[in-house]
N, C-alpha and C. Protein backbone atom coordinates (compact mmCIF):
# COMPACT_ATOMS: atom_id res chain seq x y z
N GLY A 1 0.80 -1.18 0.00
CA GLY A 1 0.00 0.00 0.00
C GLY A 1 0.85 1.25 0.00
N LEU A 2 0.20 2.34 0.01
CA LEU A 2 0.85 3.64 -0.02
C LEU A 2 1.58 3.93 1.29
N PHE A 3 0.99 3.48 2.42
CA PHE A 3 1.59 3.74 3.73
C PHE A 3 1.97 2.43 4.39
N SER A 4 3.13 2.40 5.05
CA SER A 4 3.53 1.23 5.82
C SER A 4 2.65 1.13 7.07
N ALA A 5 2.70 0.00 7.74
CA ALA A 5 1.90 -0.19 8.96
C ALA A 5 2.27 0.86 10.01
N GLU A 6 3.56 1.16 10.12
CA GLU A 6 4.01 2.17 11.09
C GLU A 6 3.47 3.56 10.74
N GLU A 7 3.48 3.90 9.45
CA GLU A 7 2.95 5.20 9.02
C GLU A 7 1.44 5.28 9.28
N GLN A 8 0.74 4.17 9.05
CA GLN A 8 -0.70 4.16 9.32
C GLN A 8 -0.98 4.39 10.80
N ILE A 9 -0.18 3.79 11.66
CA ILE A 9 -0.35 3.99 13.11
C ILE A 9 -0.08 5.45 13.47
N ASN A 10 0.97 6.04 12.89
CA ASN A 10 1.28 7.45 13.17
C ASN A 10 0.16 8.37 12.69
N ILE A 11 -0.39 8.06 11.52
CA ILE A 11 -1.52 8.85 11.01
C ILE A 11 -2.70 8.72 11.96
N GLY A 12 -3.00 7.49 12.38
CA GLY A 12 -4.10 7.26 13.30
C GLY A 12 -3.92 8.01 14.61
N ASN A 13 -2.71 7.96 15.15
CA ASN A 13 -2.43 8.65 16.41
C ASN A 13 -2.61 10.16 16.27
N SER A 14 -2.25 10.71 15.12
CA SER A 14 -2.37 12.15 14.93
C SER A 14 -3.84 12.57 14.81
N LEU A 15 -4.73 11.62 14.53
CA LEU A 15 -6.16 11.93 14.39
C LEU A 15 -6.97 11.62 15.64
N ARG A 16 -6.31 11.22 16.70
CA ARG A 16 -7.01 10.81 17.92
C ARG A 16 -7.98 11.89 18.41
N SER A 17 -7.53 13.14 18.47
CA SER A 17 -8.41 14.21 18.98
C SER A 17 -9.56 14.49 18.00
N ASP A 18 -9.31 14.37 16.69
CA ASP A 18 -10.38 14.57 15.70
C ASP A 18 -11.46 13.51 15.85
N LEU A 19 -11.05 12.29 16.10
CA LEU A 19 -12.02 11.21 16.30
C LEU A 19 -12.84 11.43 17.56
N THR A 20 -12.17 11.86 18.62
CA THR A 20 -12.86 12.13 19.88
C THR A 20 -13.89 13.25 19.69
N GLN A 21 -13.51 14.30 18.97
CA GLN A 21 -14.43 15.41 18.71
C GLN A 21 -15.61 14.96 17.86
N ALA A 22 -15.39 13.98 16.99
CA ALA A 22 -16.47 13.47 16.14
C ALA A 22 -17.32 12.43 16.86
N GLY A 23 -16.94 12.12 18.11
CA GLY A 23 -17.70 11.15 18.89
C GLY A 23 -17.44 9.71 18.49
N ILE A 24 -16.28 9.46 17.91
CA ILE A 24 -15.92 8.11 17.47
C ILE A 24 -14.87 7.56 18.41
N SER A 25 -15.09 6.34 18.90
CA SER A 25 -14.10 5.74 19.80
C SER A 25 -12.87 5.35 18.99
N PHE A 26 -11.71 5.52 19.60
CA PHE A 26 -10.44 5.39 18.89
C PHE A 26 -9.97 3.96 18.82
N ASN A 27 -9.58 3.52 17.64
CA ASN A 27 -8.67 2.41 17.42
C ASN A 27 -7.97 2.68 16.09
N HIS A 28 -6.85 2.03 15.87
CA HIS A 28 -6.03 2.39 14.71
C HIS A 28 -6.73 2.14 13.37
N ASP A 29 -7.50 1.06 13.27
CA ASP A 29 -8.20 0.78 12.02
C ASP A 29 -9.25 1.86 11.72
N ILE A 30 -10.02 2.21 12.73
CA ILE A 30 -11.04 3.25 12.55
C ILE A 30 -10.38 4.59 12.23
N ALA A 31 -9.27 4.89 12.89
CA ALA A 31 -8.57 6.16 12.66
C ALA A 31 -8.06 6.23 11.22
N PHE A 32 -7.51 5.14 10.71
CA PHE A 32 -7.00 5.17 9.34
C PHE A 32 -8.15 5.27 8.33
N GLN A 33 -9.26 4.60 8.60
CA GLN A 33 -10.43 4.72 7.73
C GLN A 33 -10.97 6.16 7.74
N PHE A 34 -10.95 6.79 8.91
CA PHE A 34 -11.35 8.19 9.05
C PHE A 34 -10.45 9.08 8.19
N PHE A 35 -9.14 8.81 8.23
CA PHE A 35 -8.17 9.53 7.41
C PHE A 35 -8.48 9.36 5.92
N LEU A 36 -8.69 8.12 5.49
CA LEU A 36 -8.97 7.85 4.07
C LEU A 36 -10.25 8.54 3.62
N LYS A 37 -11.28 8.53 4.47
CA LYS A 37 -12.54 9.18 4.14
C LYS A 37 -12.32 10.69 3.96
N ASN A 38 -11.53 11.30 4.84
CA ASN A 38 -11.23 12.72 4.72
C ASN A 38 -10.44 13.03 3.45
N VAL A 39 -9.52 12.16 3.09
CA VAL A 39 -8.77 12.35 1.85
C VAL A 39 -9.73 12.27 0.66
N GLN A 40 -10.59 11.26 0.63
CA GLN A 40 -11.55 11.12 -0.47
C GLN A 40 -12.48 12.31 -0.57
N ASP A 41 -12.92 12.83 0.56
CA ASP A 41 -13.85 13.96 0.56
C ASP A 41 -13.19 15.28 0.15
N ASN A 42 -11.87 15.39 0.37
CA ASN A 42 -11.22 16.68 0.18
C ASN A 42 -10.18 16.72 -0.93
N LEU A 43 -9.93 15.60 -1.57
CA LEU A 43 -8.92 15.56 -2.62
C LEU A 43 -9.39 16.32 -3.85
N ARG A 44 -8.57 17.19 -4.36
CA ARG A 44 -8.85 17.93 -5.58
C ARG A 44 -7.66 17.76 -6.52
N VAL A 45 -7.93 17.53 -7.76
CA VAL A 45 -6.87 17.37 -8.76
C VAL A 45 -7.11 18.41 -9.84
N VAL A 46 -6.06 19.09 -10.21
CA VAL A 46 -6.14 20.07 -11.29
C VAL A 46 -5.28 19.55 -12.43
N MET A 47 -5.89 19.45 -13.59
CA MET A 47 -5.16 19.01 -14.77
C MET A 47 -5.34 20.07 -15.84
N THR A 48 -4.26 20.48 -16.43
CA THR A 48 -4.36 21.44 -17.53
C THR A 48 -3.77 20.82 -18.77
N THR A 49 -4.43 21.04 -19.88
CA THR A 49 -3.96 20.55 -21.16
C THR A 49 -4.62 21.35 -22.26
N SER A 50 -4.09 21.25 -23.41
CA SER A 50 -4.67 21.92 -24.57
C SER A 50 -5.67 20.99 -25.24
N THR A 51 -6.77 21.54 -25.72
CA THR A 51 -7.74 20.72 -26.44
C THR A 51 -7.17 20.21 -27.75
N SER A 52 -6.11 20.82 -28.23
CA SER A 52 -5.48 20.34 -29.45
C SER A 52 -4.48 19.22 -29.17
N ASN A 53 -4.28 18.90 -27.91
CA ASN A 53 -3.37 17.82 -27.54
C ASN A 53 -4.03 16.48 -27.89
N PRO A 54 -3.48 15.71 -28.80
CA PRO A 54 -4.09 14.44 -29.19
C PRO A 54 -4.19 13.45 -28.01
N GLN A 55 -3.28 13.60 -27.06
CA GLN A 55 -3.30 12.70 -25.91
C GLN A 55 -4.56 12.89 -25.05
N LEU A 56 -5.09 14.12 -25.00
CA LEU A 56 -6.33 14.37 -24.26
C LEU A 56 -7.45 13.50 -24.81
N TRP A 57 -7.56 13.43 -26.10
CA TRP A 57 -8.64 12.64 -26.71
C TRP A 57 -8.39 11.16 -26.54
N GLU A 58 -7.13 10.75 -26.54
CA GLU A 58 -6.81 9.34 -26.27
C GLU A 58 -7.20 8.98 -24.84
N TRP A 59 -6.85 9.85 -23.89
CA TRP A 59 -7.19 9.62 -22.48
C TRP A 59 -8.70 9.57 -22.28
N SER A 60 -9.40 10.49 -22.94
CA SER A 60 -10.86 10.54 -22.73
C SER A 60 -11.53 9.31 -23.33
N THR A 61 -10.95 8.70 -24.34
CA THR A 61 -11.48 7.46 -24.89
C THR A 61 -11.14 6.28 -23.98
N ARG A 62 -9.91 6.27 -23.49
CA ARG A 62 -9.46 5.17 -22.64
C ARG A 62 -10.09 5.24 -21.24
N TYR A 63 -10.28 6.46 -20.73
CA TYR A 63 -10.83 6.68 -19.39
C TYR A 63 -12.02 7.62 -19.50
N PRO A 64 -13.19 7.14 -19.90
CA PRO A 64 -14.34 8.03 -20.12
C PRO A 64 -14.74 8.83 -18.89
N SER A 65 -14.53 8.30 -17.70
CA SER A 65 -14.92 9.04 -16.50
C SER A 65 -14.07 10.29 -16.31
N MET A 66 -12.93 10.36 -17.00
CA MET A 66 -12.08 11.55 -16.89
C MET A 66 -12.86 12.79 -17.32
N LEU A 67 -13.73 12.66 -18.30
CA LEU A 67 -14.52 13.80 -18.73
C LEU A 67 -15.96 13.72 -18.24
N ASN A 68 -16.45 12.53 -17.91
CA ASN A 68 -17.84 12.38 -17.51
C ASN A 68 -18.09 12.69 -16.03
N CYS A 69 -17.09 12.51 -15.20
CA CYS A 69 -17.30 12.61 -13.74
C CYS A 69 -16.50 13.75 -13.11
N ILE A 70 -16.14 14.72 -13.91
CA ILE A 70 -15.38 15.85 -13.37
C ILE A 70 -15.99 17.15 -13.87
N ASN A 71 -15.58 18.23 -13.25
CA ASN A 71 -15.96 19.56 -13.73
C ASN A 71 -14.89 20.01 -14.72
N VAL A 72 -15.30 20.31 -15.91
CA VAL A 72 -14.36 20.75 -16.95
C VAL A 72 -14.56 22.24 -17.17
N MET A 73 -13.47 22.96 -17.20
CA MET A 73 -13.52 24.38 -17.52
C MET A 73 -12.76 24.57 -18.83
N TRP A 74 -13.50 24.78 -19.89
CA TRP A 74 -12.86 25.02 -21.19
C TRP A 74 -12.52 26.50 -21.26
N LEU A 75 -11.26 26.80 -21.43
CA LEU A 75 -10.81 28.19 -21.45
C LEU A 75 -10.16 28.51 -22.79
N PRO A 76 -10.37 29.72 -23.28
CA PRO A 76 -9.70 30.10 -24.52
C PRO A 76 -8.20 30.25 -24.26
N HIS A 77 -7.46 30.43 -25.31
CA HIS A 77 -6.01 30.60 -25.18
C HIS A 77 -5.69 31.84 -24.34
N TRP A 78 -4.84 31.64 -23.34
CA TRP A 78 -4.38 32.74 -22.50
C TRP A 78 -2.86 32.78 -22.58
N ASP A 79 -2.32 33.98 -22.45
CA ASP A 79 -0.86 34.05 -22.40
C ASP A 79 -0.40 33.64 -21.00
N ASN A 80 0.90 33.44 -20.84
CA ASN A 80 1.44 32.94 -19.57
C ASN A 80 1.12 33.84 -18.39
N ASN A 81 1.17 35.16 -18.56
CA ASN A 81 0.88 36.08 -17.45
C ASN A 81 -0.56 35.91 -16.97
N GLN A 82 -1.50 35.77 -17.90
CA GLN A 82 -2.89 35.57 -17.51
C GLN A 82 -3.06 34.25 -16.76
N LEU A 83 -2.43 33.20 -17.24
CA LEU A 83 -2.53 31.90 -16.57
C LEU A 83 -1.98 31.95 -15.15
N ILE A 84 -0.85 32.59 -14.98
CA ILE A 84 -0.23 32.69 -13.65
C ILE A 84 -1.11 33.51 -12.72
N HIS A 85 -1.62 34.62 -13.19
CA HIS A 85 -2.47 35.48 -12.37
C HIS A 85 -3.73 34.74 -11.91
N VAL A 86 -4.41 34.08 -12.81
CA VAL A 86 -5.65 33.38 -12.47
C VAL A 86 -5.37 32.18 -11.57
N SER A 87 -4.32 31.43 -11.84
CA SER A 87 -4.02 30.28 -10.99
C SER A 87 -3.67 30.71 -9.57
N LYS A 88 -2.89 31.79 -9.41
CA LYS A 88 -2.57 32.28 -8.06
C LYS A 88 -3.83 32.72 -7.34
N TYR A 89 -4.73 33.38 -8.04
CA TYR A 89 -5.99 33.82 -7.44
C TYR A 89 -6.77 32.63 -6.89
N HIS A 90 -6.89 31.58 -7.67
CA HIS A 90 -7.67 30.42 -7.22
C HIS A 90 -6.94 29.60 -6.17
N LEU A 91 -5.64 29.52 -6.24
CA LEU A 91 -4.89 28.76 -5.24
C LEU A 91 -4.90 29.45 -3.88
N GLN A 92 -5.07 30.77 -3.83
CA GLN A 92 -5.13 31.47 -2.55
C GLN A 92 -6.35 31.05 -1.75
N GLY A 93 -7.38 30.54 -2.41
CA GLY A 93 -8.59 30.10 -1.71
C GLY A 93 -8.42 28.76 -1.02
N ILE A 94 -7.28 28.11 -1.22
CA ILE A 94 -7.02 26.82 -0.57
C ILE A 94 -6.38 27.12 0.77
N GLY A 95 -7.12 26.89 1.83
CA GLY A 95 -6.69 27.30 3.16
C GLY A 95 -5.41 26.67 3.66
N ASP A 96 -5.13 25.43 3.29
CA ASP A 96 -3.97 24.73 3.84
C ASP A 96 -2.71 24.92 3.00
N MET A 97 -2.79 25.66 1.91
CA MET A 97 -1.62 25.82 1.04
C MET A 97 -0.86 27.07 1.43
N PRO A 98 0.42 26.89 1.83
CA PRO A 98 1.23 28.04 2.22
C PRO A 98 1.48 28.96 1.01
N PRO A 99 1.58 30.27 1.26
CA PRO A 99 1.81 31.22 0.16
C PRO A 99 3.04 30.89 -0.68
N LYS A 100 4.10 30.35 -0.05
CA LYS A 100 5.32 30.04 -0.82
C LYS A 100 5.05 28.95 -1.85
N ASP A 101 4.10 28.04 -1.58
CA ASP A 101 3.77 27.00 -2.55
C ASP A 101 2.93 27.54 -3.70
N ILE A 102 2.18 28.60 -3.44
CA ILE A 102 1.36 29.21 -4.48
C ILE A 102 2.24 29.89 -5.51
N ASP A 103 3.32 30.54 -5.04
CA ASP A 103 4.22 31.22 -5.97
C ASP A 103 5.05 30.20 -6.71
């Protein structure tokens, strides 16, 4: 798996107070499931590509849910300055992302 047994225990231990606040009795299996549920609920992926990229159409054929189960924002051609400005604006709304990572 992605995490070793020791890492899963450390993750579970770090969530002990969150579980208590949620009214859930603590054990390592429940804590790790709580962690996974939070990741699933909060995971966001940003993918940028050009519509003229032939690989986009190959991916959408191979993985239909890539376009069927996501929010797609089709944007006209922007120069690099516009892209950087807009991406920084939207990334600032992510509460856990430090400003140095946005730049």
